[in-house]
Amino acid sequence: MATGKQILNKQLIALTNGKKVGEIKDLYLDDKLTKIVALYLGAEGLINKKHFAMTRANVQVMGIDAWLVTDSTAMPAETLPDADRLLLMSEVRGREIVTEGGTKLAAIEDFIFNDDGDILGFSLNKIVVQGPLAERKAIARSVISTTGSTTSAMTTDLAKAEAAQVPAQV
């Protein structure tokens, strides 16, 4: 289990030749915020900036110090499958979570992933409620009703959020 912050800046090493492919600069997530779909490797160029990525399917080992990948070739980020629907983890950080009635609860600070890259939950900051949610400083992904957008908050049922088990953060 790892957090998003622990994954960032990990080295990517190709299994075929041991070559360093790059570093994980950000993570592409599916639009339902359930899993890692691809890795953002950064950009090159000043005028015609090109963004590079690698699909999660290329990752064979998610190691402690580095991730091992099957191919040393990065692809242009815009050529990722469903690229227009993917979300960068950095763009979701800070997104508010509110109750279904609209009461502010907290904001996303980080992501909690299992060893397969599935999102298990979120660590929280800017918590404005008291109780189990505030004590844990985390919320399970399973109790998020809607994932929101750049202009709208995520929603949850507060009772379910307080009752749900959240994986321990590493």
C-alpha atoms as a PDB file:
ATOM      1  CA  MET A   1       0.000   0.000   0.000  1.00  0.00           C
ATOM      2  CA  ALA A   2       1.301   3.483  -0.850  1.00  0.00           C
ATOM      3  CA  THR A   3       0.194   7.087  -1.001  1.00  0.00           C
ATOM      4  CA  GLY A   4       0.379   9.267  -4.070  1.00  0.00           C
ATOM      5  CA  LYS A   5       3.183  11.308  -2.539  1.00  0.00           C
ATOM      6  CA  GLN A   6       5.233   8.144  -2.000  1.00  0.00           C
ATOM      7  CA  ILE A   7       4.827   7.157  -5.648  1.00  0.00           C
ATOM      8  CA  LEU A   8       5.879  10.481  -7.153  1.00  0.00           C
ATOM      9  CA  ASN A   9       9.494  10.757  -8.329  1.00  0.00           C
ATOM     10  CA  LYS A  10      10.009   6.981  -8.333  1.00  0.00           C
ATOM     11  CA  GLN A  11      12.378   5.831 -11.050  1.00  0.00           C
ATOM     12  CA  LEU A  12      11.088   3.742 -13.937  1.00  0.00           C
ATOM     13  CA  ILE A  13      13.514   1.050 -15.083  1.00  0.00           C
ATOM     14  CA  ALA A  14      13.047  -1.062 -18.236  1.00  0.00           C
ATOM     15  CA  LEU A  15      13.156  -4.817 -17.618  1.00  0.00           C
ATOM     16  CA  THR A  16      14.503  -5.484 -21.114  1.00  0.00           C
ATOM     17  CA  ASN A  17      17.754  -3.515 -20.828  1.00  0.00           C
ATOM     18  CA  GLY A  18      17.904  -1.966 -17.338  1.00  0.00           C
ATOM     19  CA  LYS A  19      17.679   1.518 -18.844  1.00  0.00           C
ATOM     20  CA  LYS A  20      16.239   4.337 -16.770  1.00  0.00           C
ATOM     21  CA  VAL A  21      13.055   5.385 -18.570  1.00  0.00           C
ATOM     22  CA  GLY A  22      12.323   8.396 -16.390  1.00  0.00           C
ATOM     23  CA  GLU A  23      10.568   9.359 -13.176  1.00  0.00           C
ATOM     24  CA  ILE A  24       6.920   9.403 -12.226  1.00  0.00           C
ATOM     25  CA  LYS A  25       5.945  13.083 -12.208  1.00  0.00           C
ATOM     26  CA  ASP A  26       2.192  12.537 -11.796  1.00  0.00           C
ATOM     27  CA  LEU A  27      -0.423   9.823 -12.161  1.00  0.00           C
ATOM     28  CA  TYR A  28      -3.264   9.587 -14.655  1.00  0.00           C
ATOM     29  CA  LEU A  29      -6.431   8.280 -12.978  1.00  0.00           C
ATOM     30  CA  ASP A  30      -9.646   7.036 -14.543  1.00  0.00           C
ATOM     31  CA  ASP A  31     -12.567   9.485 -14.473  1.00  0.00           C
ATOM     32  CA  LYS A  32     -14.308   7.487 -11.699  1.00  0.00           C
ATOM     33  CA  LEU A  33     -11.206   7.825  -9.486  1.00  0.00           C
ATOM     34  CA  THR A  34     -10.842   4.094  -8.958  1.00  0.00           C
ATOM     35  CA  LYS A  35      -7.354   3.296 -10.293  1.00  0.00           C
ATOM     36  CA  ILE A  36      -4.086   4.391 -11.841  1.00  0.00           C
ATOM     37  CA  VAL A  37      -4.405   4.200 -15.629  1.00  0.00           C
ATOM     38  CA  ALA A  38      -1.074   5.683 -16.704  1.00  0.00           C
ATOM     39  CA  LEU A  39       2.049   7.431 -15.454  1.00  0.00           C
ATOM     40  CA  TYR A  40       2.880  11.020 -16.406  1.00  0.00           C
ATOM     41  CA  LEU A  41       6.612  11.287 -17.128  1.00  0.00           C
ATOM     42  CA  GLY A  42       6.875  15.020 -17.750  1.00  0.00           C
ATOM     43  CA  ALA A  43       7.282  17.293 -20.733  1.00  0.00           C
ATOM     44  CA  GLU A  44      10.002  18.260 -23.195  1.00  0.00           C
ATOM     45  CA  GLY A  45      10.448  21.346 -25.321  1.00  0.00           C
ATOM     46  CA  LEU A  46       9.948  25.057 -24.786  1.00  0.00           C
ATOM     47  CA  ILE A  47       7.785  26.132 -27.686  1.00  0.00           C
ATOM     48  CA  ASN A  48       6.079  22.915 -28.782  1.00  0.00           C
ATOM     49  CA  LYS A  49       5.912  21.227 -25.398  1.00  0.00           C
ATOM     50  CA  LYS A  50       5.299  17.488 -25.644  1.00  0.00           C
ATOM     51  CA  HIS A  51       3.932  15.590 -22.647  1.00  0.00           C
ATOM     52  CA  PHE A  52       4.938  11.952 -22.173  1.00  0.00           C
ATOM     53  CA  ALA A  53       3.231   9.049 -20.441  1.00  0.00           C
ATOM     54  CA  MET A  54       3.308   5.286 -20.025  1.00  0.00           C
ATOM     55  CA  THR A  55       0.300   3.046 -19.504  1.00  0.00           C
ATOM     56  CA  ARG A  56      -0.143   1.214 -16.211  1.00  0.00           C
ATOM     57  CA  ALA A  57      -0.194  -2.054 -18.194  1.00  0.00           C
ATOM     58  CA  ASN A  58       3.556  -1.593 -18.846  1.00  0.00           C
ATOM     59  CA  VAL A  59       4.309  -1.681 -15.115  1.00  0.00           C
ATOM     60  CA  GLN A  60       5.389  -5.149 -13.998  1.00  0.00           C
ATOM     61  CA  VAL A  61       6.697  -4.407 -10.493  1.00  0.00           C
ATOM     62  CA  MET A  62       5.725  -1.514  -8.222  1.00  0.00           C
ATOM     63  CA  GLY A  63       8.846  -1.591  -6.057  1.00  0.00           C
ATOM     64  CA  ILE A  64       9.783   0.407  -3.003  1.00  0.00           C
ATOM     65  CA  ASP A  65      12.623   2.325  -4.695  1.00  0.00           C
ATOM     66  CA  ALA A  66      11.731   1.964  -8.378  1.00  0.00           C
ATOM     67  CA  TRP A  67       9.072   0.576 -10.704  1.00  0.00           C
ATOM     68  CA  LEU A  68      10.010  -1.949 -13.366  1.00  0.00           C
ATOM     69  CA  VAL A  69       8.378  -1.559 -16.770  1.00  0.00           C
ATOM     70  CA  THR A  70       8.275  -3.826 -19.828  1.00  0.00           C
ATOM     71  CA  ASP A  71       9.170  -1.151 -22.372  1.00  0.00           C
ATOM     72  CA  SER A  72      11.554   1.776 -22.325  1.00  0.00           C
ATOM     73  CA  THR A  73       9.444   3.807 -24.744  1.00  0.00           C
ATOM     74  CA  ALA A  74       7.254   6.633 -23.475  1.00  0.00           C
ATOM     75  CA  MET A  75       4.277   7.704 -25.580  1.00  0.00           C
ATOM     76  CA  PRO A  76       2.818  11.171 -26.163  1.00  0.00           C
ATOM     77  CA  ALA A  77       0.272  11.693 -23.386  1.00  0.00           C
ATOM     78  CA  GLU A  78      -2.460  12.696 -25.835  1.00  0.00           C
ATOM     79  CA  THR A  79      -2.276   9.232 -27.440  1.00  0.00           C
ATOM     80  CA  LEU A  80      -3.250   7.424 -24.222  1.00  0.00           C
ATOM     81  CA  PRO A  81      -6.530   5.502 -24.556  1.00  0.00           C
ATOM     82  CA  ASP A  82      -9.388   7.796 -23.430  1.00  0.00           C
ATOM     83  CA  ALA A  83      -6.847  10.582 -22.843  1.00  0.00           C
ATOM     84  CA  ASP A  84      -9.581  13.234 -22.809  1.00  0.00           C
ATOM     85  CA  ARG A  85     -11.294  11.494 -19.862  1.00  0.00           C
ATOM     86  CA  LEU A  86      -8.240  10.885 -17.682  1.00  0.00           C
ATOM     87  CA  LEU A  87      -7.499  12.993 -14.611  1.00  0.00           C
ATOM     88  CA  LEU A  88      -4.097  13.917 -13.270  1.00  0.00           C
ATOM     89  CA  MET A  89      -3.748  13.207  -9.560  1.00  0.00           C
ATOM     90  CA  SER A  90      -2.351  16.721  -9.039  1.00  0.00           C
ATOM     91  CA  GLU A  91      -5.567  18.203 -10.470  1.00  0.00           C
ATOM     92  CA  VAL A  92      -7.750  16.289  -8.008  1.00  0.00           C
ATOM     93  CA  ARG A  93      -5.718  17.209  -4.919  1.00  0.00           C
ATOM     94  CA  GLY A  94      -7.469  19.971  -3.026  1.00  0.00           C
ATOM     95  CA  ARG A  95     -10.908  19.012  -4.351  1.00  0.00           C
ATOM     96  CA  GLU A  96     -13.557  19.519  -1.672  1.00  0.00           C
ATOM     97  CA  ILE A  97     -15.736  16.759  -0.274  1.00  0.00           C
ATOM     98  CA  VAL A  98     -19.250  17.722   0.790  1.00  0.00           C
ATOM     99  CA  THR A  99     -22.261  15.840   2.104  1.00  0.00           C
ATOM    100  CA  GLU A 100     -25.093  15.116  -0.283  1.00  0.00           C
ATOM    101  CA  GLY A 101     -26.823  18.068   1.394  1.00  0.00           C
ATOM    102  CA  GLY A 102     -23.920  20.378   0.519  1.00  0.00           C
ATOM    103  CA  THR A 103     -22.183  20.697   3.908  1.00  0.00           C
ATOM    104  CA  LYS A 104     -18.405  21.015   3.528  1.00  0.00           C
ATOM    105  CA  LEU A 105     -16.450  18.197   5.156  1.00  0.00           C
ATOM    106  CA  ALA A 106     -12.838  18.375   3.981  1.00  0.00           C
ATOM    107  CA  ALA A 107     -10.528  18.454   0.973  1.00  0.00           C
ATOM    108  CA  ILE A 108      -8.399  15.768  -0.696  1.00  0.00           C
ATOM    109  CA  GLU A 109      -4.790  15.877   0.448  1.00  0.00           C
ATOM    110  CA  ASP A 110      -3.499  12.605  -0.995  1.00  0.00           C
ATOM    111  CA  PHE A 111      -4.506   9.220  -2.392  1.00  0.00           C
ATOM    112  CA  ILE A 112      -4.177   5.781  -0.802  1.00  0.00           C
ATOM    113  CA  PHE A 113      -3.417   3.004  -3.321  1.00  0.00           C
ATOM    114  CA  ASN A 114      -3.216  -0.768  -2.971  1.00  0.00           C
ATOM    115  CA  ASP A 115      -0.399  -2.783  -4.565  1.00  0.00           C
ATOM    116  CA  ASP A 116      -2.346  -3.064  -7.836  1.00  0.00           C
ATOM    117  CA  GLY A 117      -2.780   0.697  -8.223  1.00  0.00           C
ATOM    118  CA  ASP A 118      -6.440   0.782  -7.156  1.00  0.00           C
ATOM    119  CA  ILE A 119      -7.566   3.785  -5.111  1.00  0.00           C
ATOM    120  CA  LEU A 120      -8.670   2.615  -1.664  1.00  0.00           C
ATOM    121  CA  GLY A 121      -9.224   6.018  -0.119  1.00  0.00           C
ATOM    122  CA  PHE A 122      -8.087   9.589   0.322  1.00  0.00           C
ATOM    123  CA  SER A 123      -6.207  11.354   3.085  1.00  0.00           C
ATOM    124  CA  LEU A 124      -7.861  14.627   4.044  1.00  0.00           C
ATOM    125  CA  ASN A 125      -6.944  18.158   5.009  1.00  0.00           C
ATOM    126  CA  LYS A 126      -8.973  21.306   5.686  1.00  0.00           C
ATOM    127  CA  ILE A 127     -11.349  19.160   7.771  1.00  0.00           C
ATOM    128  CA  VAL A 128     -14.278  21.222   9.054  1.00  0.00           C
ATOM    129  CA  VAL A 129     -16.261  18.530  10.913  1.00  0.00           C
ATOM    130  CA  GLN A 130     -15.634  16.708  14.155  1.00  0.00           C
ATOM    131  CA  GLY A 131     -15.912  12.987  14.774  1.00  0.00           C
ATOM    132  CA  PRO A 132     -14.455   9.815  13.233  1.00  0.00           C
ATOM    133  CA  LEU A 133     -13.663  11.461   9.895  1.00  0.00           C
ATOM    134  CA  ALA A 134     -11.646  14.197  11.594  1.00  0.00           C
ATOM    135  CA  GLU A 135      -9.862  11.701  13.829  1.00  0.00           C
ATOM    136  CA  ARG A 136      -8.883   9.395  10.947  1.00  0.00           C
ATOM    137  CA  LYS A 137      -8.087  12.215   8.526  1.00  0.00           C
ATOM    138  CA  ALA A 138      -9.039   9.807   5.739  1.00  0.00           C
ATOM    139  CA  ILE A 139     -12.084   8.609   3.823  1.00  0.00           C
ATOM    140  CA  ALA A 140     -12.689   5.354   1.942  1.00  0.00           C
ATOM    141  CA  ARG A 141     -13.162   5.588  -1.847  1.00  0.00           C
ATOM    142  CA  SER A 142     -16.165   3.265  -1.564  1.00  0.00           C
ATOM    143  CA  VAL A 143     -18.271   5.920   0.224  1.00  0.00           C
ATOM    144  CA  ILE A 144     -17.741   8.665  -2.378  1.00  0.00           C
ATOM    145  CA  SER A 145     -21.039   9.118  -4.256  1.00  0.00           C
ATOM    146  CA  THR A 146     -19.819  11.491  -6.969  1.00  0.00           C
ATOM    147  CA  THR A 147     -16.243  12.390  -7.839  1.00  0.00           C
ATOM    148  CA  GLY A 148     -16.933  16.028  -8.700  1.00  0.00           C
ATOM    149  CA  SER A 149     -15.008  18.006 -11.285  1.00  0.00           C
ATOM    150  CA  THR A 150     -12.755  21.034 -11.535  1.00  0.00           C
ATOM    151  CA  THR A 151     -15.781  23.178 -10.652  1.00  0.00           C
ATOM    152  CA  SER A 152     -17.737  20.898  -8.305  1.00  0.00           C
ATOM    153  CA  ALA A 153     -17.000  18.992  -5.109  1.00  0.00           C
ATOM    154  CA  MET A 154     -17.056  15.272  -4.432  1.00  0.00           C
ATOM    155  CA  THR A 155     -20.059  14.081  -2.436  1.00  0.00           C
ATOM    156  CA  THR A 156     -20.544  11.476   0.271  1.00  0.00           C
ATOM    157  CA  ASP A 157     -23.044  10.341   2.870  1.00  0.00           C
ATOM    158  CA  LEU A 158     -21.512  11.446   6.199  1.00  0.00           C
ATOM    159  CA  ALA A 159     -22.872   8.473   8.174  1.00  0.00           C
ATOM    160  CA  LYS A 160     -21.406   6.008   5.666  1.00  0.00           C
ATOM    161  CA  ALA A 161     -18.121   7.923   5.554  1.00  0.00           C
ATOM    162  CA  GLU A 162     -17.775   7.793   9.340  1.00  0.00           C
ATOM    163  CA  ALA A 163     -18.686   4.083   9.523  1.00  0.00           C
ATOM    164  CA  ALA A 164     -16.501   2.848   6.648  1.00  0.00           C
ATOM    165  CA  GLN A 165     -13.118   1.279   7.294  1.00  0.00           C
ATOM    166  CA  VAL A 166     -10.252   3.183   5.756  1.00  0.00           C
ATOM    167  CA  PRO A 167      -6.982   1.416   4.947  1.00  0.00           C
ATOM    168  CA  ALA A 168      -4.109   2.458   7.200  1.00  0.00           C
ATOM    169  CA  GLN A 169      -1.830   4.904   5.478  1.00  0.00           C
ATOM    170  CA  VAL A 170       1.736   3.808   5.011  1.00  0.00           C
END
